[in-house]
Amino acid sequence: MYIDPITKMNISFVAIGLMFACNFLMLYARKTASGLLRFLLKTIAFLMLIATFVLILVVIFV
């Protein structure tokens, strides 16, 4: 399967955006949230980090 370079660039931008969002979500969960909300925010941030990893693998190996 071939992905043209512009699409790879766009995928990498999405991955970078997800990393920033994950970082800020984790900072927000640590500073202000507590209890169940904190757990949910950290879980969402972790899932976003896994999605970022998959996108990076697509950019590198496809």
N, C-alpha and C. Protein backbone atom coordinates (compact mmCIF):
# COMPACT_ATOMS: atom_id res chain seq x y z
N MET A 1 0.85 -1.18 0.00
CA MET A 1 0.00 0.00 0.00
C MET A 1 0.90 1.24 0.00
N TYR A 2 0.60 2.18 -0.88
CA TYR A 2 1.40 3.39 -1.03
C TYR A 2 0.61 4.60 -0.54
N ILE A 3 1.24 5.42 0.25
CA ILE A 3 0.65 6.69 0.69
C ILE A 3 1.55 7.80 0.17
N ASP A 4 0.94 8.77 -0.52
CA ASP A 4 1.74 9.85 -1.09
C ASP A 4 2.32 10.73 0.03
N PRO A 5 3.37 11.46 -0.26
CA PRO A 5 4.07 12.23 0.78
C PRO A 5 3.22 13.30 1.45
N ILE A 6 2.30 13.92 0.72
CA ILE A 6 1.46 14.96 1.33
C ILE A 6 0.54 14.34 2.38
N THR A 7 0.01 13.17 2.09
CA THR A 7 -0.85 12.50 3.06
C THR A 7 -0.05 12.07 4.28
N LYS A 8 1.17 11.62 4.08
CA LYS A 8 2.04 11.28 5.21
C LYS A 8 2.32 12.52 6.06
N MET A 9 2.52 13.65 5.43
CA MET A 9 2.75 14.88 6.17
C MET A 9 1.53 15.24 6.99
N ASN A 10 0.35 15.12 6.41
CA ASN A 10 -0.87 15.43 7.14
C ASN A 10 -1.08 14.47 8.30
N ILE A 11 -0.78 13.19 8.10
CA ILE A 11 -0.89 12.22 9.18
C ILE A 11 0.08 12.57 10.30
N SER A 12 1.28 12.99 9.95
CA SER A 12 2.24 13.37 10.99
C SER A 12 1.79 14.62 11.74
N PHE A 13 1.15 15.57 11.06
CA PHE A 13 0.61 16.74 11.75
C PHE A 13 -0.48 16.34 12.74
N VAL A 14 -1.33 15.40 12.34
CA VAL A 14 -2.37 14.91 13.25
C VAL A 14 -1.74 14.24 14.46
N ALA A 15 -0.68 13.47 14.24
CA ALA A 15 0.01 12.82 15.35
C ALA A 15 0.63 13.85 16.30
N ILE A 16 1.22 14.89 15.75
CA ILE A 16 1.79 15.95 16.59
C ILE A 16 0.69 16.65 17.39
N GLY A 17 -0.42 16.93 16.75
CA GLY A 17 -1.55 17.55 17.44
C GLY A 17 -2.09 16.67 18.56
N LEU A 18 -2.17 15.37 18.30
CA LEU A 18 -2.63 14.45 19.34
C LEU A 18 -1.65 14.41 20.51
N MET A 19 -0.35 14.49 20.23
CA MET A 19 0.63 14.50 21.32
C MET A 19 0.47 15.75 22.19
N PHE A 20 0.27 16.91 21.55
CA PHE A 20 0.05 18.13 22.33
C PHE A 20 -1.22 18.04 23.15
N ALA A 21 -2.30 17.55 22.54
CA ALA A 21 -3.56 17.42 23.26
C ALA A 21 -3.43 16.45 24.42
N CYS A 22 -2.72 15.36 24.21
CA CYS A 22 -2.49 14.38 25.27
C CYS A 22 -1.71 15.00 26.41
N ASN A 23 -0.70 15.77 26.09
CA ASN A 23 0.11 16.42 27.11
C ASN A 23 -0.72 17.39 27.94
N PHE A 24 -1.48 18.25 27.29
CA PHE A 24 -2.28 19.23 28.01
C PHE A 24 -3.40 18.57 28.81
N LEU A 25 -3.97 17.51 28.28
CA LEU A 25 -5.01 16.77 29.01
C LEU A 25 -4.42 16.14 30.27
N MET A 26 -3.23 15.60 30.17
CA MET A 26 -2.59 15.01 31.34
C MET A 26 -2.25 16.07 32.37
N LEU A 27 -1.75 17.23 31.92
CA LEU A 27 -1.47 18.32 32.86
C LEU A 27 -2.74 18.79 33.56
N TYR A 28 -3.83 18.91 32.82
CA TYR A 28 -5.09 19.32 33.41
C TYR A 28 -5.58 18.29 34.42
N ALA A 29 -5.45 17.02 34.10
CA ALA A 29 -5.89 15.97 35.02
C ALA A 29 -5.07 15.98 36.30
N ARG A 30 -3.79 16.27 36.20
CA ARG A 30 -2.96 16.28 37.40
C ARG A 30 -3.20 17.51 38.26
N LYS A 31 -3.41 18.66 37.64
CA LYS A 31 -3.51 19.90 38.40
C LYS A 31 -4.89 20.11 39.03
N THR A 32 -5.96 19.89 38.26
CA THR A 32 -7.28 20.32 38.75
C THR A 32 -8.24 19.18 39.03
N ALA A 33 -8.21 18.14 38.23
CA ALA A 33 -9.22 17.10 38.37
C ALA A 33 -8.89 16.17 39.54
N SER A 34 -9.94 15.49 40.03
CA SER A 34 -9.73 14.52 41.11
C SER A 34 -10.77 13.41 40.98
N GLY A 35 -10.44 12.28 41.54
CA GLY A 35 -11.38 11.18 41.58
C GLY A 35 -11.58 10.52 40.23
N LEU A 36 -12.84 10.25 39.93
CA LEU A 36 -13.20 9.54 38.70
C LEU A 36 -12.87 10.36 37.46
N LEU A 37 -13.07 11.68 37.53
CA LEU A 37 -12.77 12.53 36.38
C LEU A 37 -11.28 12.46 36.04
N ARG A 38 -10.45 12.45 37.07
CA ARG A 38 -9.00 12.35 36.85
C ARG A 38 -8.65 11.04 36.15
N PHE A 39 -9.24 9.95 36.60
CA PHE A 39 -8.99 8.65 35.99
C PHE A 39 -9.45 8.62 34.53
N LEU A 40 -10.62 9.17 34.25
CA LEU A 40 -11.13 9.19 32.88
C LEU A 40 -10.26 10.05 31.97
N LEU A 41 -9.82 11.19 32.44
CA LEU A 41 -8.97 12.06 31.63
C LEU A 41 -7.63 11.41 31.34
N LYS A 42 -7.05 10.74 32.33
CA LYS A 42 -5.78 10.06 32.10
C LYS A 42 -5.95 8.88 31.16
N THR A 43 -7.08 8.18 31.24
CA THR A 43 -7.35 7.07 30.33
C THR A 43 -7.51 7.57 28.90
N ILE A 44 -8.22 8.67 28.72
CA ILE A 44 -8.39 9.25 27.38
C ILE A 44 -7.04 9.70 26.83
N ALA A 45 -6.22 10.31 27.68
CA ALA A 45 -4.89 10.75 27.25
C ALA A 45 -4.03 9.56 26.84
N PHE A 46 -4.11 8.47 27.58
CA PHE A 46 -3.34 7.29 27.23
C PHE A 46 -3.80 6.69 25.91
N LEU A 47 -5.11 6.66 25.67
CA LEU A 47 -5.63 6.14 24.40
C LEU A 47 -5.21 7.04 23.23
N MET A 48 -5.17 8.34 23.47
CA MET A 48 -4.69 9.25 22.43
C MET A 48 -3.22 9.01 22.14
N LEU A 49 -2.44 8.67 23.17
CA LEU A 49 -1.03 8.39 22.98
C LEU A 49 -0.83 7.11 22.17
N ILE A 50 -1.67 6.11 22.40
CA ILE A 50 -1.61 4.87 21.60
C ILE A 50 -1.96 5.18 20.14
N ALA A 51 -2.98 6.01 19.92
CA ALA A 51 -3.35 6.39 18.56
C ALA A 51 -2.21 7.13 17.88
N THR A 52 -1.52 7.98 18.62
CA THR A 52 -0.36 8.69 18.08
C THR A 52 0.74 7.71 17.66
N PHE A 53 0.99 6.72 18.50
CA PHE A 53 1.99 5.70 18.18
C PHE A 53 1.64 4.97 16.89
N VAL A 54 0.38 4.63 16.72
CA VAL A 54 -0.05 3.92 15.50
C VAL A 54 0.14 4.82 14.29
N LEU A 55 -0.22 6.09 14.41
CA LEU A 55 -0.05 7.03 13.29
C LEU A 55 1.42 7.19 12.93
N ILE A 56 2.29 7.24 13.91
CA ILE A 56 3.72 7.37 13.64
C ILE A 56 4.23 6.13 12.93
N LEU A 57 3.77 4.96 13.36
CA LEU A 57 4.16 3.73 12.67
C LEU A 57 3.70 3.73 11.22
N VAL A 58 2.50 4.24 10.96
CA VAL A 58 2.00 4.33 9.58
C VAL A 58 2.90 5.24 8.76
N VAL A 59 3.27 6.38 9.31
CA VAL A 59 4.12 7.32 8.57
C VAL A 59 5.49 6.72 8.29
N ILE A 60 6.04 6.00 9.23
CA ILE A 60 7.39 5.48 9.07
C ILE A 60 7.43 4.27 8.13
N PHE A 61 6.52 3.33 8.29
CA PHE A 61 6.65 2.05 7.62
C PHE A 61 5.76 1.87 6.39
N VAL A 62 4.84 2.77 6.11
CA VAL A 62 3.97 2.56 4.95
C VAL A 62 4.37 3.52 3.84
